[in-house]
Amino acid sequence: MSDQAAGLALLDDGRLAEVDGDEGRQLFVFAPQGPDTYLIRTAEPGTDDLTDTCWEVRSSGSQPLRVVAAPCAPEEPRQQFSIVRDGQRNGAPTYAISNHSAYLQNSATRGLILEELGDAPLTTRFRFVDNGAAPG
């Protein structure tokens, strides 16, 4: 078993997923929108500017909420994510990511979903790698 953690990527089909390779768009810029609230934009490698693609929460009938790629709209509430430090793993800080009261969680059967916790504990936390200044 590898010590290398999976990364997040917006895949070609537009959904956010955990990946072990280099598929999809994996570089993100967190644009502050308020206290602990961010618009999460993609940044394409090898270009000098940010793309206009952002994370957005989408519902799909009775299926769980998902994060998908969407044109950036800073005023859109479904694109405003809270990112709050929530512990540490192997000496590095970890963070909880949510949109309103739904938290980004890894489901063994459905992949990355957003769900309200209710009385359940938060089971998925994320670490970030700082790749330096964003283009643009």
Protein backbone atom coordinates (compact mmCIF):
# COMPACT_ATOMS: atom_id res chain seq x y z
CA MET A 1 0.00 0.00 0.00
CA SER A 2 1.35 3.41 -0.98
CA ASP A 3 1.87 6.31 1.41
CA GLN A 4 0.94 8.64 -1.45
CA ALA A 5 -2.49 10.17 -0.95
CA ALA A 6 -4.97 10.57 -3.77
CA GLY A 7 -5.60 14.04 -5.17
CA LEU A 8 -8.77 15.83 -6.21
CA ALA A 9 -9.47 16.49 -9.88
CA LEU A 10 -12.25 17.81 -12.04
CA LEU A 11 -12.52 15.05 -14.62
CA ASP A 12 -13.35 15.43 -18.31
CA ASP A 13 -16.98 14.50 -17.57
CA GLY A 14 -17.15 17.52 -15.22
CA ARG A 15 -17.36 15.75 -11.85
CA LEU A 16 -14.99 16.14 -8.92
CA ALA A 17 -13.25 12.89 -7.99
CA GLU A 18 -10.27 11.48 -6.14
CA VAL A 19 -7.54 10.33 -8.51
CA ASP A 20 -4.18 8.60 -8.13
CA GLY A 21 -2.82 9.72 -11.50
CA ASP A 22 -2.63 12.94 -13.48
CA GLU A 23 -6.07 12.85 -15.12
CA GLY A 24 -8.35 15.87 -15.04
CA ARG A 25 -7.71 19.38 -13.76
CA GLN A 26 -5.94 19.16 -10.40
CA LEU A 27 -4.70 22.70 -9.77
CA PHE A 28 -7.12 24.92 -7.91
CA VAL A 29 -7.08 28.52 -6.72
CA PHE A 30 -9.06 29.50 -3.65
CA ALA A 31 -10.52 32.99 -4.21
CA PRO A 32 -11.71 34.48 -0.89
CA GLN A 33 -15.41 35.44 -0.83
CA GLY A 34 -15.74 36.11 2.91
CA PRO A 35 -14.56 34.64 6.22
CA ASP A 36 -13.54 31.00 5.55
CA THR A 37 -15.56 31.09 2.29
CA TYR A 38 -14.01 30.58 -1.14
CA LEU A 39 -14.75 30.30 -4.82
CA ILE A 40 -12.63 27.35 -6.00
CA ARG A 41 -11.35 27.97 -9.55
CA THR A 42 -9.33 25.69 -11.77
CA ALA A 43 -5.89 26.77 -12.92
CA GLU A 44 -4.62 25.03 -16.02
CA PRO A 45 -0.96 24.01 -16.01
CA GLY A 46 1.17 25.83 -18.56
CA THR A 47 -1.13 28.83 -19.00
CA ASP A 48 -0.73 32.33 -17.67
CA ASP A 49 -4.31 32.85 -16.56
CA LEU A 50 -7.05 31.22 -14.56
CA THR A 51 -9.77 29.42 -16.41
CA ASP A 52 -13.32 30.44 -15.77
CA THR A 53 -14.27 27.02 -14.41
CA CYS A 54 -15.24 26.64 -10.76
CA TRP A 55 -16.56 24.00 -8.38
CA GLU A 56 -20.35 24.00 -8.05
CA VAL A 57 -22.74 21.87 -6.01
CA ARG A 58 -25.35 20.08 -8.10
CA SER A 59 -28.27 17.89 -7.18
CA SER A 60 -29.40 14.98 -9.30
CA GLY A 61 -32.84 13.89 -8.16
CA SER A 62 -32.61 11.32 -5.39
CA GLN A 63 -28.83 10.94 -5.85
CA PRO A 64 -26.44 12.62 -3.36
CA LEU A 65 -25.21 16.16 -3.99
CA ARG A 66 -22.01 16.28 -6.08
CA VAL A 67 -19.39 18.85 -7.00
CA VAL A 68 -19.09 19.52 -10.73
CA ALA A 69 -17.35 21.96 -13.06
CA ALA A 70 -19.35 25.09 -13.91
CA PRO A 71 -18.68 28.55 -15.34
CA CYS A 72 -17.51 30.75 -12.45
CA ALA A 73 -20.20 32.92 -10.91
CA PRO A 74 -18.92 34.40 -7.63
CA GLU A 75 -22.43 35.41 -6.55
CA GLU A 76 -23.76 31.84 -6.97
CA PRO A 77 -24.30 30.30 -3.48
CA ARG A 78 -23.65 26.79 -4.85
CA GLN A 79 -20.08 27.92 -5.68
CA GLN A 80 -19.27 29.27 -2.23
CA PHE A 81 -17.35 26.71 -0.20
CA SER A 82 -16.33 26.96 3.43
CA ILE A 83 -12.88 25.62 4.19
CA VAL A 84 -12.08 25.29 7.87
CA ARG A 85 -9.05 23.76 9.55
CA ASP A 86 -10.20 20.61 11.34
CA GLY A 87 -7.30 18.65 12.78
CA GLN A 88 -4.07 17.27 11.37
CA ARG A 89 -2.64 14.08 9.87
CA ASN A 90 1.06 13.17 9.84
CA GLY A 91 1.89 16.63 11.17
CA ALA A 92 0.07 18.48 8.36
CA PRO A 93 -3.15 20.44 8.91
CA THR A 94 -6.38 18.97 7.55
CA TYR A 95 -9.48 20.84 6.44
CA ALA A 96 -13.23 20.28 6.20
CA ILE A 97 -14.85 21.50 2.96
CA SER A 98 -18.54 22.34 2.93
CA ASN A 99 -21.22 24.21 1.03
CA HIS A 100 -23.80 25.54 3.47
CA SER A 101 -24.38 22.56 5.78
CA ALA A 102 -23.33 19.81 3.32
CA TYR A 103 -19.78 18.48 3.73
CA LEU A 104 -17.57 16.99 1.03
CA GLN A 105 -17.24 13.33 2.01
CA ASN A 106 -15.82 10.23 0.39
CA SER A 107 -18.46 7.52 -0.02
CA ALA A 108 -17.16 3.99 -0.64
CA THR A 109 -19.97 3.37 -3.13
CA ARG A 110 -20.52 6.82 -4.69
CA GLY A 111 -17.15 8.57 -4.60
CA LEU A 112 -17.07 12.22 -3.54
CA ILE A 113 -20.45 13.51 -2.42
CA LEU A 114 -21.77 16.31 -0.26
CA GLU A 115 -23.90 15.34 2.68
CA GLU A 116 -25.37 16.92 5.75
CA LEU A 117 -23.83 15.33 8.79
CA GLY A 118 -26.71 15.43 11.26
CA ASP A 119 -25.49 13.32 14.17
CA ALA A 120 -22.89 11.52 12.03
CA PRO A 121 -19.19 12.44 12.37
CA LEU A 122 -17.16 14.15 9.66
CA THR A 123 -15.10 11.33 8.14
CA THR A 124 -13.31 13.05 5.25
CA ARG A 125 -10.74 15.79 5.69
CA PHE A 126 -8.40 17.23 3.10
CA ARG A 127 -4.79 18.43 2.98
CA PHE A 128 -3.61 21.12 0.57
CA VAL A 129 -0.34 21.47 -1.31
CA ASP A 130 0.73 25.05 -1.96
CA ASN A 131 2.13 25.27 -5.49
CA GLY A 132 3.06 28.93 -5.19
CA ALA A 133 1.48 32.05 -6.66
CA ALA A 134 -1.44 31.53 -9.00
CA PRO A 135 -1.17 32.81 -12.55
CA GLY A 136 -2.98 35.96 -13.51
